[in-house]
Protein backbone atom coordinates (compact mmCIF):
# COMPACT_ATOMS: atom_id res chain seq x y z
CA MET A 1 -15.65 16.43 19.07
CA LYS A 2 -17.22 13.31 17.35
CA ARG A 3 -20.03 11.39 19.05
CA ASN A 4 -20.38 7.92 19.86
CA LEU A 5 -16.81 7.79 19.86
CA ARG A 6 -15.40 4.11 20.65
CA VAL A 7 -11.99 4.11 22.71
CA ILE A 8 -11.11 0.76 23.25
CA GLN A 9 -8.96 0.52 26.41
CA ILE A 10 -5.95 -2.49 27.33
CA ASN A 11 -5.05 -2.58 30.46
CA GLY A 12 -1.82 -4.89 31.69
CA LEU A 13 -1.13 -8.15 30.26
CA ARG A 14 -4.63 -9.82 30.27
CA GLY A 15 -6.05 -6.82 28.04
CA LEU A 16 -3.38 -7.40 25.74
CA ILE A 17 -3.66 -11.23 25.60
CA THR A 18 -7.49 -10.69 25.29
CA ALA A 19 -6.74 -8.12 22.07
CA CYS A 20 -4.69 -10.74 20.52
CA MET A 21 -6.91 -13.31 21.01
CA ILE A 22 -9.85 -11.38 19.45
CA GLY A 23 -7.16 -10.68 16.74
CA MET A 24 -6.58 -14.11 16.37
CA CYS A 25 -10.11 -14.98 16.05
CA LEU A 26 -10.94 -12.34 13.90
CA ILE A 27 -8.31 -13.38 11.26
CA ALA A 28 -9.11 -16.73 11.57
CA GLY A 29 -13.11 -16.08 10.94
CA PHE A 30 -12.85 -14.40 8.45
CA VAL A 31 -9.64 -15.22 6.18
CA CYS A 32 -8.26 -18.66 7.01
CA PHE A 33 -11.82 -20.17 7.22
CA PRO A 34 -12.61 -19.12 3.90
CA GLY A 35 -9.58 -20.23 2.65
CA PHE A 36 -10.10 -23.16 4.03
CA LEU A 37 -13.46 -23.92 1.97
CA ALA A 38 -11.77 -22.61 -1.41
CA MET A 39 -9.04 -24.98 -0.66
CA HIS A 40 -11.00 -27.79 -0.11
CA ALA A 41 -13.69 -26.80 -3.13
CA TRP A 42 -11.09 -26.10 -5.30
CA ASN A 43 -9.76 -29.69 -4.46
CA PHE A 44 -12.47 -31.71 -5.04
CA VAL A 45 -13.23 -29.85 -8.33
CA ALA A 46 -9.74 -30.66 -9.39
CA ALA A 47 -9.77 -34.14 -8.71
CA LYS A 48 -12.33 -34.84 -11.36
CA PHE A 49 -10.86 -32.43 -13.90
CA MET A 50 -6.79 -33.85 -13.14
CA ALA A 51 -6.31 -30.40 -12.07
CA PRO A 52 -3.23 -29.43 -9.80
CA THR A 53 -4.36 -29.60 -5.89
CA LEU A 54 -3.98 -26.10 -3.86
CA GLY A 55 -2.73 -25.68 -0.14
CA LEU A 56 -4.12 -23.60 2.42
CA PHE A 57 -1.93 -20.47 1.30
CA GLN A 58 -3.27 -20.77 -2.05
CA GLY A 59 -6.70 -21.33 -0.58
CA ILE A 60 -6.60 -17.99 1.07
CA LEU A 61 -5.10 -16.19 -1.96
CA LEU A 62 -8.16 -18.15 -3.83
CA TRP A 63 -10.52 -16.71 -0.83
CA GLY A 64 -9.09 -13.03 -1.66
CA ILE A 65 -9.49 -13.07 -5.26
CA LEU A 66 -13.09 -14.02 -4.96
CA ALA A 67 -13.55 -11.29 -2.21
CA VAL A 68 -12.18 -8.67 -4.36
CA SER A 69 -13.46 -9.56 -7.49
CA TYR A 70 -17.43 -9.63 -5.45
CA MET A 71 -16.93 -6.57 -4.38
CA MET A 72 -15.13 -5.22 -7.58
CA ILE A 73 -18.48 -6.34 -8.93
CA LYS A 74 -21.14 -5.79 -5.89
CA ARG A 75 -20.72 -1.60 -6.23
CA HIS A 76 -20.85 -1.16 -10.33
CA ARG A 77 -17.27 0.83 -9.79
CA PHE A 78 -13.83 -0.22 -9.88
CA ILE A 79 -12.00 0.81 -6.66
CA VAL A 80 -8.68 1.45 -8.61
CA SER A 81 -8.99 3.13 -12.22
CA PHE A 82 -6.60 4.20 -14.92
CA LYS A 83 -6.75 7.23 -16.06
CA THR A 84 -4.86 9.93 -18.53
CA PRO A 85 -6.06 13.46 -18.37
CA ASP A 86 -6.45 15.01 -21.81
CA ASP A 87 -5.75 18.20 -20.96
CA LEU A 88 -2.43 17.65 -19.62
CA THR A 89 0.87 16.95 -21.57
CA GLU A 90 3.51 14.39 -20.68
CA GLU A 91 5.91 17.12 -18.94
CA GLU A 92 3.44 18.75 -16.79
CA MET A 93 2.09 15.26 -16.06
CA MET A 94 5.56 14.16 -14.71
CA GLU A 95 5.87 17.56 -12.79
CA MET A 96 2.78 17.11 -11.56
CA MET A 97 3.75 13.22 -10.08
CA GLY A 98 7.12 14.39 -9.00
CA ASN A 99 5.35 17.28 -6.86
CA ILE A 100 3.27 14.65 -5.16
CA ASN A 101 5.94 12.45 -5.01
CA LEU A 102 8.21 15.07 -2.94
CA ASN A 103 4.84 16.54 -0.73
CA ARG A 104 5.06 13.39 1.24
CA PRO A 105 5.54 13.97 5.07
CA ASN A 106 6.49 10.58 5.90
CA ASP A 107 9.55 10.70 3.21
CA VAL A 108 12.34 11.53 5.36
CA ILE A 109 14.74 11.67 1.63
CA SER A 110 12.25 13.70 -0.20
CA GLN A 111 11.85 16.35 3.12
CA ALA A 112 15.93 16.45 2.63
CA MET A 113 15.39 16.54 -1.42
CA ILE A 114 13.20 20.02 -0.32
CA LYS A 115 15.03 21.57 2.20
CA SER A 116 18.23 21.00 -0.44
CA ARG A 117 16.50 22.88 -3.47
CA LYS A 118 15.12 25.55 -1.00
CA LEU A 119 18.77 25.95 0.18
CA GLU A 120 20.00 25.64 -3.89
CA ASP A 121 17.15 28.45 -4.59
CA GLU A 122 18.68 30.72 -1.64
CA ILE A 123 22.35 30.34 -2.64
CA VAL A 124 21.03 30.96 -6.39
CA ASN A 125 19.19 34.23 -5.61
CA GLN A 126 21.91 35.70 -2.99
CA THR A 127 24.35 34.78 -5.98
CA ASN A 128 22.55 36.78 -8.31
CA GLU A 129 21.75 39.71 -6.01
CA MET A 130 26.20 39.65 -5.75
CA THR A 131 26.44 40.13 -9.41
CA ASN A 132 23.90 42.41 -9.80
CA SER A 133 25.06 44.39 -6.55
CA ALA A 134 29.15 44.39 -8.31
CA SER A 135 27.75 44.99 -11.69
CA GLU A 136 25.91 47.84 -10.52
CA SER A 137 28.95 49.32 -8.33
CA GLU A 138 30.94 48.99 -11.46
CA ASN A 139 28.42 50.95 -13.62
CA ASN A 140 28.79 53.47 -10.94
CA ILE A 141 32.83 53.42 -10.72
CA GLU A 142 33.02 53.71 -14.94
CA THR A 143 29.96 56.73 -14.90
CA ASP A 144 32.67 58.21 -12.19
CA VAL A 145 35.75 57.73 -13.96
CA LYS A 146 33.64 59.08 -17.36
CA LEU A 147 33.26 62.67 -15.44
């Protein structure tokens, strides 16, 4: 069990309202207000250079772009990187990605596909066993007839 585990308990309607208010204040303080400042800073500069002005939503987007860019530069590494492995062929890569997509536990469709593939494999195995046993019995009959 983790030490220093903190559990937040919300009791009743008052606790739910308090939790909603805390969430709204966090969003307003860390998202909307900096977006509002970014919007006004952009509009101040845009007035001097005859550029288009921004609304609050665009200011929030600008703030998000600035915050993510700062985090990427500060860490000196990229959060998302695209790399092609040198050792894998294109077919092996596609097979691996297909397996990754099929093995997601929350995807109902992929789980159904996995089950159907297992059933298909079982049917193929049973069919092969039946044809093998039938061909063996035919061989036994032919050898009996020849004797």
